[in-house]
Amino acid sequence: TRHTYATRLIMAGIKPAYIARQMGH
C-alpha cells in the first residue's frame, strides 16, 4: 500500500520533495 501510494503520486507529476516529506524519506 505504501509503494502504491508513492508511485501513484509520482506518476501524477507531484513534486518528489513533497512526496518524500509525506513518506518520511
PDBML (XML) file of the C-alpha atoms, coordinates in Angstrom:
<?xml version="1.0" encoding="UTF-8" ?>
<PDBx:datablock datablockName="MODEL"
   xmlns:PDBx="http://pdbml.pdb.org/schema/pdbx-v50.xsd"
   xmlns:xsi="http://www.w3.org/2001/XMLSchema-instance"
   xsi:schemaLocation="http://pdbml.pdb.org/schema/pdbx-v50.xsd pdbx-v50.xsd">
   <PDBx:atom_siteCategory>
      <PDBx:atom_site id="1">
         <PDBx:B_iso_or_equiv>0.00</PDBx:B_iso_or_equiv>
         <PDBx:Cartn_x>0.000</PDBx:Cartn_x>
         <PDBx:Cartn_y>0.000</PDBx:Cartn_y>
         <PDBx:Cartn_z>0.000</PDBx:Cartn_z>
         <PDBx:auth_asym_id>A</PDBx:auth_asym_id>
         <PDBx:auth_atom_id>CA</PDBx:auth_atom_id>
         <PDBx:auth_comp_id>THR</PDBx:auth_comp_id>
         <PDBx:auth_seq_id>1</PDBx:auth_seq_id>
         <PDBx:group_PDB>ATOM</PDBx:group_PDB>
         <PDBx:label_alt_id xsi:nil="true" />
         <PDBx:label_asym_id>A</PDBx:label_asym_id>
         <PDBx:label_atom_id>CA</PDBx:label_atom_id>
         <PDBx:label_comp_id>THR</PDBx:label_comp_id>
         <PDBx:label_entity_id>1</PDBx:label_entity_id>
         <PDBx:label_seq_id>1</PDBx:label_seq_id>
         <PDBx:occupancy>1.00</PDBx:occupancy>
         <PDBx:pdbx_PDB_model_num>1</PDBx:pdbx_PDB_model_num>
         <PDBx:type_symbol>C</PDBx:type_symbol>
      </PDBx:atom_site>
      <PDBx:atom_site id="2">
         <PDBx:B_iso_or_equiv>0.00</PDBx:B_iso_or_equiv>
         <PDBx:Cartn_x>2.911</PDBx:Cartn_x>
         <PDBx:Cartn_y>2.338</PDBx:Cartn_y>
         <PDBx:Cartn_z>0.747</PDBx:Cartn_z>
         <PDBx:auth_asym_id>A</PDBx:auth_asym_id>
         <PDBx:auth_atom_id>CA</PDBx:auth_atom_id>
         <PDBx:auth_comp_id>ARG</PDBx:auth_comp_id>
         <PDBx:auth_seq_id>2</PDBx:auth_seq_id>
         <PDBx:group_PDB>ATOM</PDBx:group_PDB>
         <PDBx:label_alt_id xsi:nil="true" />
         <PDBx:label_asym_id>A</PDBx:label_asym_id>
         <PDBx:label_atom_id>CA</PDBx:label_atom_id>
         <PDBx:label_comp_id>ARG</PDBx:label_comp_id>
         <PDBx:label_entity_id>1</PDBx:label_entity_id>
         <PDBx:label_seq_id>2</PDBx:label_seq_id>
         <PDBx:occupancy>1.00</PDBx:occupancy>
         <PDBx:pdbx_PDB_model_num>1</PDBx:pdbx_PDB_model_num>
         <PDBx:type_symbol>C</PDBx:type_symbol>
      </PDBx:atom_site>
      <PDBx:atom_site id="3">
         <PDBx:B_iso_or_equiv>0.00</PDBx:B_iso_or_equiv>
         <PDBx:Cartn_x>4.623</PDBx:Cartn_x>
         <PDBx:Cartn_y>1.631</PDBx:Cartn_y>
         <PDBx:Cartn_z>-2.579</PDBx:Cartn_z>
         <PDBx:auth_asym_id>A</PDBx:auth_asym_id>
         <PDBx:auth_atom_id>CA</PDBx:auth_atom_id>
         <PDBx:auth_comp_id>HIS</PDBx:auth_comp_id>
         <PDBx:auth_seq_id>3</PDBx:auth_seq_id>
         <PDBx:group_PDB>ATOM</PDBx:group_PDB>
         <PDBx:label_alt_id xsi:nil="true" />
         <PDBx:label_asym_id>A</PDBx:label_asym_id>
         <PDBx:label_atom_id>CA</PDBx:label_atom_id>
         <PDBx:label_comp_id>HIS</PDBx:label_comp_id>
         <PDBx:label_entity_id>1</PDBx:label_entity_id>
         <PDBx:label_seq_id>3</PDBx:label_seq_id>
         <PDBx:occupancy>1.00</PDBx:occupancy>
         <PDBx:pdbx_PDB_model_num>1</PDBx:pdbx_PDB_model_num>
         <PDBx:type_symbol>C</PDBx:type_symbol>
      </PDBx:atom_site>
      <PDBx:atom_site id="4">
         <PDBx:B_iso_or_equiv>0.00</PDBx:B_iso_or_equiv>
         <PDBx:Cartn_x>1.308</PDBx:Cartn_x>
         <PDBx:Cartn_y>2.080</PDBx:Cartn_y>
         <PDBx:Cartn_z>-4.370</PDBx:Cartn_z>
         <PDBx:auth_asym_id>A</PDBx:auth_asym_id>
         <PDBx:auth_atom_id>CA</PDBx:auth_atom_id>
         <PDBx:auth_comp_id>THR</PDBx:auth_comp_id>
         <PDBx:auth_seq_id>4</PDBx:auth_seq_id>
         <PDBx:group_PDB>ATOM</PDBx:group_PDB>
         <PDBx:label_alt_id xsi:nil="true" />
         <PDBx:label_asym_id>A</PDBx:label_asym_id>
         <PDBx:label_atom_id>CA</PDBx:label_atom_id>
         <PDBx:label_comp_id>THR</PDBx:label_comp_id>
         <PDBx:label_entity_id>1</PDBx:label_entity_id>
         <PDBx:label_seq_id>4</PDBx:label_seq_id>
         <PDBx:occupancy>1.00</PDBx:occupancy>
         <PDBx:pdbx_PDB_model_num>1</PDBx:pdbx_PDB_model_num>
         <PDBx:type_symbol>C</PDBx:type_symbol>
      </PDBx:atom_site>
      <PDBx:atom_site id="5">
         <PDBx:B_iso_or_equiv>0.00</PDBx:B_iso_or_equiv>
         <PDBx:Cartn_x>0.810</PDBx:Cartn_x>
         <PDBx:Cartn_y>5.480</PDBx:Cartn_y>
         <PDBx:Cartn_z>-2.753</PDBx:Cartn_z>
         <PDBx:auth_asym_id>A</PDBx:auth_asym_id>
         <PDBx:auth_atom_id>CA</PDBx:auth_atom_id>
         <PDBx:auth_comp_id>TYR</PDBx:auth_comp_id>
         <PDBx:auth_seq_id>5</PDBx:auth_seq_id>
         <PDBx:group_PDB>ATOM</PDBx:group_PDB>
         <PDBx:label_alt_id xsi:nil="true" />
         <PDBx:label_asym_id>A</PDBx:label_asym_id>
         <PDBx:label_atom_id>CA</PDBx:label_atom_id>
         <PDBx:label_comp_id>TYR</PDBx:label_comp_id>
         <PDBx:label_entity_id>1</PDBx:label_entity_id>
         <PDBx:label_seq_id>5</PDBx:label_seq_id>
         <PDBx:occupancy>1.00</PDBx:occupancy>
         <PDBx:pdbx_PDB_model_num>1</PDBx:pdbx_PDB_model_num>
         <PDBx:type_symbol>C</PDBx:type_symbol>
      </PDBx:atom_site>
      <PDBx:atom_site id="6">
         <PDBx:B_iso_or_equiv>0.00</PDBx:B_iso_or_equiv>
         <PDBx:Cartn_x>4.311</PDBx:Cartn_x>
         <PDBx:Cartn_y>6.648</PDBx:Cartn_y>
         <PDBx:Cartn_z>-3.705</PDBx:Cartn_z>
         <PDBx:auth_asym_id>A</PDBx:auth_asym_id>
         <PDBx:auth_atom_id>CA</PDBx:auth_atom_id>
         <PDBx:auth_comp_id>ALA</PDBx:auth_comp_id>
         <PDBx:auth_seq_id>6</PDBx:auth_seq_id>
         <PDBx:group_PDB>ATOM</PDBx:group_PDB>
         <PDBx:label_alt_id xsi:nil="true" />
         <PDBx:label_asym_id>A</PDBx:label_asym_id>
         <PDBx:label_atom_id>CA</PDBx:label_atom_id>
         <PDBx:label_comp_id>ALA</PDBx:label_comp_id>
         <PDBx:label_entity_id>1</PDBx:label_entity_id>
         <PDBx:label_seq_id>6</PDBx:label_seq_id>
         <PDBx:occupancy>1.00</PDBx:occupancy>
         <PDBx:pdbx_PDB_model_num>1</PDBx:pdbx_PDB_model_num>
         <PDBx:type_symbol>C</PDBx:type_symbol>
      </PDBx:atom_site>
      <PDBx:atom_site id="7">
         <PDBx:B_iso_or_equiv>0.00</PDBx:B_iso_or_equiv>
         <PDBx:Cartn_x>4.184</PDBx:Cartn_x>
         <PDBx:Cartn_y>5.518</PDBx:Cartn_y>
         <PDBx:Cartn_z>-7.318</PDBx:Cartn_z>
         <PDBx:auth_asym_id>A</PDBx:auth_asym_id>
         <PDBx:auth_atom_id>CA</PDBx:auth_atom_id>
         <PDBx:auth_comp_id>THR</PDBx:auth_comp_id>
         <PDBx:auth_seq_id>7</PDBx:auth_seq_id>
         <PDBx:group_PDB>ATOM</PDBx:group_PDB>
         <PDBx:label_alt_id xsi:nil="true" />
         <PDBx:label_asym_id>A</PDBx:label_asym_id>
         <PDBx:label_atom_id>CA</PDBx:label_atom_id>
         <PDBx:label_comp_id>THR</PDBx:label_comp_id>
         <PDBx:label_entity_id>1</PDBx:label_entity_id>
         <PDBx:label_seq_id>7</PDBx:label_seq_id>
         <PDBx:occupancy>1.00</PDBx:occupancy>
         <PDBx:pdbx_PDB_model_num>1</PDBx:pdbx_PDB_model_num>
         <PDBx:type_symbol>C</PDBx:type_symbol>
      </PDBx:atom_site>
      <PDBx:atom_site id="8">
         <PDBx:B_iso_or_equiv>0.00</PDBx:B_iso_or_equiv>
         <PDBx:Cartn_x>0.702</PDBx:Cartn_x>
         <PDBx:Cartn_y>6.968</PDBx:Cartn_y>
         <PDBx:Cartn_z>-7.913</PDBx:Cartn_z>
         <PDBx:auth_asym_id>A</PDBx:auth_asym_id>
         <PDBx:auth_atom_id>CA</PDBx:auth_atom_id>
         <PDBx:auth_comp_id>ARG</PDBx:auth_comp_id>
         <PDBx:auth_seq_id>8</PDBx:auth_seq_id>
         <PDBx:group_PDB>ATOM</PDBx:group_PDB>
         <PDBx:label_alt_id xsi:nil="true" />
         <PDBx:label_asym_id>A</PDBx:label_asym_id>
         <PDBx:label_atom_id>CA</PDBx:label_atom_id>
         <PDBx:label_comp_id>ARG</PDBx:label_comp_id>
         <PDBx:label_entity_id>1</PDBx:label_entity_id>
         <PDBx:label_seq_id>8</PDBx:label_seq_id>
         <PDBx:occupancy>1.00</PDBx:occupancy>
         <PDBx:pdbx_PDB_model_num>1</PDBx:pdbx_PDB_model_num>
         <PDBx:type_symbol>C</PDBx:type_symbol>
      </PDBx:atom_site>
      <PDBx:atom_site id="9">
         <PDBx:B_iso_or_equiv>0.00</PDBx:B_iso_or_equiv>
         <PDBx:Cartn_x>1.853</PDBx:Cartn_x>
         <PDBx:Cartn_y>10.363</PDBx:Cartn_y>
         <PDBx:Cartn_z>-6.640</PDBx:Cartn_z>
         <PDBx:auth_asym_id>A</PDBx:auth_asym_id>
         <PDBx:auth_atom_id>CA</PDBx:auth_atom_id>
         <PDBx:auth_comp_id>LEU</PDBx:auth_comp_id>
         <PDBx:auth_seq_id>9</PDBx:auth_seq_id>
         <PDBx:group_PDB>ATOM</PDBx:group_PDB>
         <PDBx:label_alt_id xsi:nil="true" />
         <PDBx:label_asym_id>A</PDBx:label_asym_id>
         <PDBx:label_atom_id>CA</PDBx:label_atom_id>
         <PDBx:label_comp_id>LEU</PDBx:label_comp_id>
         <PDBx:label_entity_id>1</PDBx:label_entity_id>
         <PDBx:label_seq_id>9</PDBx:label_seq_id>
         <PDBx:occupancy>1.00</PDBx:occupancy>
         <PDBx:pdbx_PDB_model_num>1</PDBx:pdbx_PDB_model_num>
         <PDBx:type_symbol>C</PDBx:type_symbol>
      </PDBx:atom_site>
      <PDBx:atom_site id="10">
         <PDBx:B_iso_or_equiv>0.00</PDBx:B_iso_or_equiv>
         <PDBx:Cartn_x>4.966</PDBx:Cartn_x>
         <PDBx:Cartn_y>10.208</PDBx:Cartn_y>
         <PDBx:Cartn_z>-8.768</PDBx:Cartn_z>
         <PDBx:auth_asym_id>A</PDBx:auth_asym_id>
         <PDBx:auth_atom_id>CA</PDBx:auth_atom_id>
         <PDBx:auth_comp_id>ILE</PDBx:auth_comp_id>
         <PDBx:auth_seq_id>10</PDBx:auth_seq_id>
         <PDBx:group_PDB>ATOM</PDBx:group_PDB>
         <PDBx:label_alt_id xsi:nil="true" />
         <PDBx:label_asym_id>A</PDBx:label_asym_id>
         <PDBx:label_atom_id>CA</PDBx:label_atom_id>
         <PDBx:label_comp_id>ILE</PDBx:label_comp_id>
         <PDBx:label_entity_id>1</PDBx:label_entity_id>
         <PDBx:label_seq_id>10</PDBx:label_seq_id>
         <PDBx:occupancy>1.00</PDBx:occupancy>
         <PDBx:pdbx_PDB_model_num>1</PDBx:pdbx_PDB_model_num>
         <PDBx:type_symbol>C</PDBx:type_symbol>
      </PDBx:atom_site>
      <PDBx:atom_site id="11">
         <PDBx:B_iso_or_equiv>0.00</PDBx:B_iso_or_equiv>
         <PDBx:Cartn_x>3.040</PDBx:Cartn_x>
         <PDBx:Cartn_y>9.278</PDBx:Cartn_y>
         <PDBx:Cartn_z>-11.918</PDBx:Cartn_z>
         <PDBx:auth_asym_id>A</PDBx:auth_asym_id>
         <PDBx:auth_atom_id>CA</PDBx:auth_atom_id>
         <PDBx:auth_comp_id>MET</PDBx:auth_comp_id>
         <PDBx:auth_seq_id>11</PDBx:auth_seq_id>
         <PDBx:group_PDB>ATOM</PDBx:group_PDB>
         <PDBx:label_alt_id xsi:nil="true" />
         <PDBx:label_asym_id>A</PDBx:label_asym_id>
         <PDBx:label_atom_id>CA</PDBx:label_atom_id>
         <PDBx:label_comp_id>MET</PDBx:label_comp_id>
         <PDBx:label_entity_id>1</PDBx:label_entity_id>
         <PDBx:label_seq_id>11</PDBx:label_seq_id>
         <PDBx:occupancy>1.00</PDBx:occupancy>
         <PDBx:pdbx_PDB_model_num>1</PDBx:pdbx_PDB_model_num>
         <PDBx:type_symbol>C</PDBx:type_symbol>
      </PDBx:atom_site>
      <PDBx:atom_site id="12">
         <PDBx:B_iso_or_equiv>0.00</PDBx:B_iso_or_equiv>
         <PDBx:Cartn_x>0.605</PDBx:Cartn_x>
         <PDBx:Cartn_y>12.131</PDBx:Cartn_y>
         <PDBx:Cartn_z>-11.204</PDBx:Cartn_z>
         <PDBx:auth_asym_id>A</PDBx:auth_asym_id>
         <PDBx:auth_atom_id>CA</PDBx:auth_atom_id>
         <PDBx:auth_comp_id>ALA</PDBx:auth_comp_id>
         <PDBx:auth_seq_id>12</PDBx:auth_seq_id>
         <PDBx:group_PDB>ATOM</PDBx:group_PDB>
         <PDBx:label_alt_id xsi:nil="true" />
         <PDBx:label_asym_id>A</PDBx:label_asym_id>
         <PDBx:label_atom_id>CA</PDBx:label_atom_id>
         <PDBx:label_comp_id>ALA</PDBx:label_comp_id>
         <PDBx:label_entity_id>1</PDBx:label_entity_id>
         <PDBx:label_seq_id>12</PDBx:label_seq_id>
         <PDBx:occupancy>1.00</PDBx:occupancy>
         <PDBx:pdbx_PDB_model_num>1</PDBx:pdbx_PDB_model_num>
         <PDBx:type_symbol>C</PDBx:type_symbol>
      </PDBx:atom_site>
      <PDBx:atom_site id="13">
         <PDBx:B_iso_or_equiv>0.00</PDBx:B_iso_or_equiv>
         <PDBx:Cartn_x>3.513</PDBx:Cartn_x>
         <PDBx:Cartn_y>14.554</PDBx:Cartn_y>
         <PDBx:Cartn_z>-11.500</PDBx:Cartn_z>
         <PDBx:auth_asym_id>A</PDBx:auth_asym_id>
         <PDBx:auth_atom_id>CA</PDBx:auth_atom_id>
         <PDBx:auth_comp_id>GLY</PDBx:auth_comp_id>
         <PDBx:auth_seq_id>13</PDBx:auth_seq_id>
         <PDBx:group_PDB>ATOM</PDBx:group_PDB>
         <PDBx:label_alt_id xsi:nil="true" />
         <PDBx:label_asym_id>A</PDBx:label_asym_id>
         <PDBx:label_atom_id>CA</PDBx:label_atom_id>
         <PDBx:label_comp_id>GLY</PDBx:label_comp_id>
         <PDBx:label_entity_id>1</PDBx:label_entity_id>
         <PDBx:label_seq_id>13</PDBx:label_seq_id>
         <PDBx:occupancy>1.00</PDBx:occupancy>
         <PDBx:pdbx_PDB_model_num>1</PDBx:pdbx_PDB_model_num>
         <PDBx:type_symbol>C</PDBx:type_symbol>
      </PDBx:atom_site>
      <PDBx:atom_site id="14">
         <PDBx:B_iso_or_equiv>0.00</PDBx:B_iso_or_equiv>
         <PDBx:Cartn_x>3.618</PDBx:Cartn_x>
         <PDBx:Cartn_y>15.614</PDBx:Cartn_y>
         <PDBx:Cartn_z>-7.834</PDBx:Cartn_z>
         <PDBx:auth_asym_id>A</PDBx:auth_asym_id>
         <PDBx:auth_atom_id>CA</PDBx:auth_atom_id>
         <PDBx:auth_comp_id>ILE</PDBx:auth_comp_id>
         <PDBx:auth_seq_id>14</PDBx:auth_seq_id>
         <PDBx:group_PDB>ATOM</PDBx:group_PDB>
         <PDBx:label_alt_id xsi:nil="true" />
         <PDBx:label_asym_id>A</PDBx:label_asym_id>
         <PDBx:label_atom_id>CA</PDBx:label_atom_id>
         <PDBx:label_comp_id>ILE</PDBx:label_comp_id>
         <PDBx:label_entity_id>1</PDBx:label_entity_id>
         <PDBx:label_seq_id>14</PDBx:label_seq_id>
         <PDBx:occupancy>1.00</PDBx:occupancy>
         <PDBx:pdbx_PDB_model_num>1</PDBx:pdbx_PDB_model_num>
         <PDBx:type_symbol>C</PDBx:type_symbol>
      </PDBx:atom_site>
      <PDBx:atom_site id="15">
         <PDBx:B_iso_or_equiv>0.00</PDBx:B_iso_or_equiv>
         <PDBx:Cartn_x>6.974</PDBx:Cartn_x>
         <PDBx:Cartn_y>17.061</PDBx:Cartn_y>
         <PDBx:Cartn_z>-6.831</PDBx:Cartn_z>
         <PDBx:auth_asym_id>A</PDBx:auth_asym_id>
         <PDBx:auth_atom_id>CA</PDBx:auth_atom_id>
         <PDBx:auth_comp_id>LYS</PDBx:auth_comp_id>
         <PDBx:auth_seq_id>15</PDBx:auth_seq_id>
         <PDBx:group_PDB>ATOM</PDBx:group_PDB>
         <PDBx:label_alt_id xsi:nil="true" />
         <PDBx:label_asym_id>A</PDBx:label_asym_id>
         <PDBx:label_atom_id>CA</PDBx:label_atom_id>
         <PDBx:label_comp_id>LYS</PDBx:label_comp_id>
         <PDBx:label_entity_id>1</PDBx:label_entity_id>
         <PDBx:label_seq_id>15</PDBx:label_seq_id>
         <PDBx:occupancy>1.00</PDBx:occupancy>
         <PDBx:pdbx_PDB_model_num>1</PDBx:pdbx_PDB_model_num>
         <PDBx:type_symbol>C</PDBx:type_symbol>
      </PDBx:atom_site>
      <PDBx:atom_site id="16">
         <PDBx:B_iso_or_equiv>0.00</PDBx:B_iso_or_equiv>
         <PDBx:Cartn_x>9.386</PDBx:Cartn_x>
         <PDBx:Cartn_y>14.472</PDBx:Cartn_y>
         <PDBx:Cartn_z>-5.379</PDBx:Cartn_z>
         <PDBx:auth_asym_id>A</PDBx:auth_asym_id>
         <PDBx:auth_atom_id>CA</PDBx:auth_atom_id>
         <PDBx:auth_comp_id>PRO</PDBx:auth_comp_id>
         <PDBx:auth_seq_id>16</PDBx:auth_seq_id>
         <PDBx:group_PDB>ATOM</PDBx:group_PDB>
         <PDBx:label_alt_id xsi:nil="true" />
         <PDBx:label_asym_id>A</PDBx:label_asym_id>
         <PDBx:label_atom_id>CA</PDBx:label_atom_id>
         <PDBx:label_comp_id>PRO</PDBx:label_comp_id>
         <PDBx:label_entity_id>1</PDBx:label_entity_id>
         <PDBx:label_seq_id>16</PDBx:label_seq_id>
         <PDBx:occupancy>1.00</PDBx:occupancy>
         <PDBx:pdbx_PDB_model_num>1</PDBx:pdbx_PDB_model_num>
         <PDBx:type_symbol>C</PDBx:type_symbol>
      </PDBx:atom_site>
      <PDBx:atom_site id="17">
         <PDBx:B_iso_or_equiv>0.00</PDBx:B_iso_or_equiv>
         <PDBx:Cartn_x>10.268</PDBx:Cartn_x>
         <PDBx:Cartn_y>16.755</PDBx:Cartn_y>
         <PDBx:Cartn_z>-2.444</PDBx:Cartn_z>
         <PDBx:auth_asym_id>A</PDBx:auth_asym_id>
         <PDBx:auth_atom_id>CA</PDBx:auth_atom_id>
         <PDBx:auth_comp_id>ALA</PDBx:auth_comp_id>
         <PDBx:auth_seq_id>17</PDBx:auth_seq_id>
         <PDBx:group_PDB>ATOM</PDBx:group_PDB>
         <PDBx:label_alt_id xsi:nil="true" />
         <PDBx:label_asym_id>A</PDBx:label_asym_id>
         <PDBx:label_atom_id>CA</PDBx:label_atom_id>
         <PDBx:label_comp_id>ALA</PDBx:label_comp_id>
         <PDBx:label_entity_id>1</PDBx:label_entity_id>
         <PDBx:label_seq_id>17</PDBx:label_seq_id>
         <PDBx:occupancy>1.00</PDBx:occupancy>
         <PDBx:pdbx_PDB_model_num>1</PDBx:pdbx_PDB_model_num>
         <PDBx:type_symbol>C</PDBx:type_symbol>
      </PDBx:atom_site>
      <PDBx:atom_site id="18">
         <PDBx:B_iso_or_equiv>0.00</PDBx:B_iso_or_equiv>
         <PDBx:Cartn_x>6.628</PDBx:Cartn_x>
         <PDBx:Cartn_y>16.800</PDBx:Cartn_y>
         <PDBx:Cartn_z>-1.333</PDBx:Cartn_z>
         <PDBx:auth_asym_id>A</PDBx:auth_asym_id>
         <PDBx:auth_atom_id>CA</PDBx:auth_atom_id>
         <PDBx:auth_comp_id>TYR</PDBx:auth_comp_id>
         <PDBx:auth_seq_id>18</PDBx:auth_seq_id>
         <PDBx:group_PDB>ATOM</PDBx:group_PDB>
         <PDBx:label_alt_id xsi:nil="true" />
         <PDBx:label_asym_id>A</PDBx:label_asym_id>
         <PDBx:label_atom_id>CA</PDBx:label_atom_id>
         <PDBx:label_comp_id>TYR</PDBx:label_comp_id>
         <PDBx:label_entity_id>1</PDBx:label_entity_id>
         <PDBx:label_seq_id>18</PDBx:label_seq_id>
         <PDBx:occupancy>1.00</PDBx:occupancy>
         <PDBx:pdbx_PDB_model_num>1</PDBx:pdbx_PDB_model_num>
         <PDBx:type_symbol>C</PDBx:type_symbol>
      </PDBx:atom_site>
      <PDBx:atom_site id="19">
         <PDBx:B_iso_or_equiv>0.00</PDBx:B_iso_or_equiv>
         <PDBx:Cartn_x>6.309</PDBx:Cartn_x>
         <PDBx:Cartn_y>13.012</PDBx:Cartn_y>
         <PDBx:Cartn_z>-1.705</PDBx:Cartn_z>
         <PDBx:auth_asym_id>A</PDBx:auth_asym_id>
         <PDBx:auth_atom_id>CA</PDBx:auth_atom_id>
         <PDBx:auth_comp_id>ILE</PDBx:auth_comp_id>
         <PDBx:auth_seq_id>19</PDBx:auth_seq_id>
         <PDBx:group_PDB>ATOM</PDBx:group_PDB>
         <PDBx:label_alt_id xsi:nil="true" />
         <PDBx:label_asym_id>A</PDBx:label_asym_id>
         <PDBx:label_atom_id>CA</PDBx:label_atom_id>
         <PDBx:label_comp_id>ILE</PDBx:label_comp_id>
         <PDBx:label_entity_id>1</PDBx:label_entity_id>
         <PDBx:label_seq_id>19</PDBx:label_seq_id>
         <PDBx:occupancy>1.00</PDBx:occupancy>
         <PDBx:pdbx_PDB_model_num>1</PDBx:pdbx_PDB_model_num>
         <PDBx:type_symbol>C</PDBx:type_symbol>
      </PDBx:atom_site>
      <PDBx:atom_site id="20">
         <PDBx:B_iso_or_equiv>0.00</PDBx:B_iso_or_equiv>
         <PDBx:Cartn_x>9.488</PDBx:Cartn_x>
         <PDBx:Cartn_y>12.487</PDBx:Cartn_y>
         <PDBx:Cartn_z>0.336</PDBx:Cartn_z>
         <PDBx:auth_asym_id>A</PDBx:auth_asym_id>
         <PDBx:auth_atom_id>CA</PDBx:auth_atom_id>
         <PDBx:auth_comp_id>ALA</PDBx:auth_comp_id>
         <PDBx:auth_seq_id>20</PDBx:auth_seq_id>
         <PDBx:group_PDB>ATOM</PDBx:group_PDB>
         <PDBx:label_alt_id xsi:nil="true" />
         <PDBx:label_asym_id>A</PDBx:label_asym_id>
         <PDBx:label_atom_id>CA</PDBx:label_atom_id>
         <PDBx:label_comp_id>ALA</PDBx:label_comp_id>
         <PDBx:label_entity_id>1</PDBx:label_entity_id>
         <PDBx:label_seq_id>20</PDBx:label_seq_id>
         <PDBx:occupancy>1.00</PDBx:occupancy>
         <PDBx:pdbx_PDB_model_num>1</PDBx:pdbx_PDB_model_num>
         <PDBx:type_symbol>C</PDBx:type_symbol>
      </PDBx:atom_site>
      <PDBx:atom_site id="21">
         <PDBx:B_iso_or_equiv>0.00</PDBx:B_iso_or_equiv>
         <PDBx:Cartn_x>8.107</PDBx:Cartn_x>
         <PDBx:Cartn_y>14.648</PDBx:Cartn_y>
         <PDBx:Cartn_z>3.160</PDBx:Cartn_z>
         <PDBx:auth_asym_id>A</PDBx:auth_asym_id>
         <PDBx:auth_atom_id>CA</PDBx:auth_atom_id>
         <PDBx:auth_comp_id>ARG</PDBx:auth_comp_id>
         <PDBx:auth_seq_id>21</PDBx:auth_seq_id>
         <PDBx:group_PDB>ATOM</PDBx:group_PDB>
         <PDBx:label_alt_id xsi:nil="true" />
         <PDBx:label_asym_id>A</PDBx:label_asym_id>
         <PDBx:label_atom_id>CA</PDBx:label_atom_id>
         <PDBx:label_comp_id>ARG</PDBx:label_comp_id>
         <PDBx:label_entity_id>1</PDBx:label_entity_id>
         <PDBx:label_seq_id>21</PDBx:label_seq_id>
         <PDBx:occupancy>1.00</PDBx:occupancy>
         <PDBx:pdbx_PDB_model_num>1</PDBx:pdbx_PDB_model_num>
         <PDBx:type_symbol>C</PDBx:type_symbol>
      </PDBx:atom_site>
      <PDBx:atom_site id="22">
         <PDBx:B_iso_or_equiv>0.00</PDBx:B_iso_or_equiv>
         <PDBx:Cartn_x>4.810</PDBx:Cartn_x>
         <PDBx:Cartn_y>12.779</PDBx:Cartn_y>
         <PDBx:Cartn_z>3.139</PDBx:Cartn_z>
         <PDBx:auth_asym_id>A</PDBx:auth_asym_id>
         <PDBx:auth_atom_id>CA</PDBx:auth_atom_id>
         <PDBx:auth_comp_id>GLN</PDBx:auth_comp_id>
         <PDBx:auth_seq_id>22</PDBx:auth_seq_id>
         <PDBx:group_PDB>ATOM</PDBx:group_PDB>
         <PDBx:label_alt_id xsi:nil="true" />
         <PDBx:label_asym_id>A</PDBx:label_asym_id>
         <PDBx:label_atom_id>CA</PDBx:label_atom_id>
         <PDBx:label_comp_id>GLN</PDBx:label_comp_id>
         <PDBx:label_entity_id>1</PDBx:label_entity_id>
         <PDBx:label_seq_id>22</PDBx:label_seq_id>
         <PDBx:occupancy>1.00</PDBx:occupancy>
         <PDBx:pdbx_PDB_model_num>1</PDBx:pdbx_PDB_model_num>
         <PDBx:type_symbol>C</PDBx:type_symbol>
      </PDBx:atom_site>
      <PDBx:atom_site id="23">
         <PDBx:B_iso_or_equiv>0.00</PDBx:B_iso_or_equiv>
         <PDBx:Cartn_x>6.565</PDBx:Cartn_x>
         <PDBx:Cartn_y>9.411</PDBx:Cartn_y>
         <PDBx:Cartn_z>3.391</PDBx:Cartn_z>
         <PDBx:auth_asym_id>A</PDBx:auth_asym_id>
         <PDBx:auth_atom_id>CA</PDBx:auth_atom_id>
         <PDBx:auth_comp_id>MET</PDBx:auth_comp_id>
         <PDBx:auth_seq_id>23</PDBx:auth_seq_id>
         <PDBx:group_PDB>ATOM</PDBx:group_PDB>
         <PDBx:label_alt_id xsi:nil="true" />
         <PDBx:label_asym_id>A</PDBx:label_asym_id>
         <PDBx:label_atom_id>CA</PDBx:label_atom_id>
         <PDBx:label_comp_id>MET</PDBx:label_comp_id>
         <PDBx:label_entity_id>1</PDBx:label_entity_id>
         <PDBx:label_seq_id>23</PDBx:label_seq_id>
         <PDBx:occupancy>1.00</PDBx:occupancy>
         <PDBx:pdbx_PDB_model_num>1</PDBx:pdbx_PDB_model_num>
         <PDBx:type_symbol>C</PDBx:type_symbol>
      </PDBx:atom_site>
      <PDBx:atom_site id="24">
         <PDBx:B_iso_or_equiv>0.00</PDBx:B_iso_or_equiv>
         <PDBx:Cartn_x>9.328</PDBx:Cartn_x>
         <PDBx:Cartn_y>10.353</PDBx:Cartn_y>
         <PDBx:Cartn_z>5.812</PDBx:Cartn_z>
         <PDBx:auth_asym_id>A</PDBx:auth_asym_id>
         <PDBx:auth_atom_id>CA</PDBx:auth_atom_id>
         <PDBx:auth_comp_id>GLY</PDBx:auth_comp_id>
         <PDBx:auth_seq_id>24</PDBx:auth_seq_id>
         <PDBx:group_PDB>ATOM</PDBx:group_PDB>
         <PDBx:label_alt_id xsi:nil="true" />
         <PDBx:label_asym_id>A</PDBx:label_asym_id>
         <PDBx:label_atom_id>CA</PDBx:label_atom_id>
         <PDBx:label_comp_id>GLY</PDBx:label_comp_id>
         <PDBx:label_entity_id>1</PDBx:label_entity_id>
         <PDBx:label_seq_id>24</PDBx:label_seq_id>
         <PDBx:occupancy>1.00</PDBx:occupancy>
         <PDBx:pdbx_PDB_model_num>1</PDBx:pdbx_PDB_model_num>
         <PDBx:type_symbol>C</PDBx:type_symbol>
      </PDBx:atom_site>
      <PDBx:atom_site id="25">
         <PDBx:B_iso_or_equiv>0.00</PDBx:B_iso_or_equiv>
         <PDBx:Cartn_x>12.037</PDBx:Cartn_x>
         <PDBx:Cartn_y>9.649</PDBx:Cartn_y>
         <PDBx:Cartn_z>3.239</PDBx:Cartn_z>
         <PDBx:auth_asym_id>A</PDBx:auth_asym_id>
         <PDBx:auth_atom_id>CA</PDBx:auth_atom_id>
         <PDBx:auth_comp_id>HIS</PDBx:auth_comp_id>
         <PDBx:auth_seq_id>25</PDBx:auth_seq_id>
         <PDBx:group_PDB>ATOM</PDBx:group_PDB>
         <PDBx:label_alt_id xsi:nil="true" />
         <PDBx:label_asym_id>A</PDBx:label_asym_id>
         <PDBx:label_atom_id>CA</PDBx:label_atom_id>
         <PDBx:label_comp_id>HIS</PDBx:label_comp_id>
         <PDBx:label_entity_id>1</PDBx:label_entity_id>
         <PDBx:label_seq_id>25</PDBx:label_seq_id>
         <PDBx:occupancy>1.00</PDBx:occupancy>
         <PDBx:pdbx_PDB_model_num>1</PDBx:pdbx_PDB_model_num>
         <PDBx:type_symbol>C</PDBx:type_symbol>
      </PDBx:atom_site>
   </PDBx:atom_siteCategory>
</PDBx:datablock>
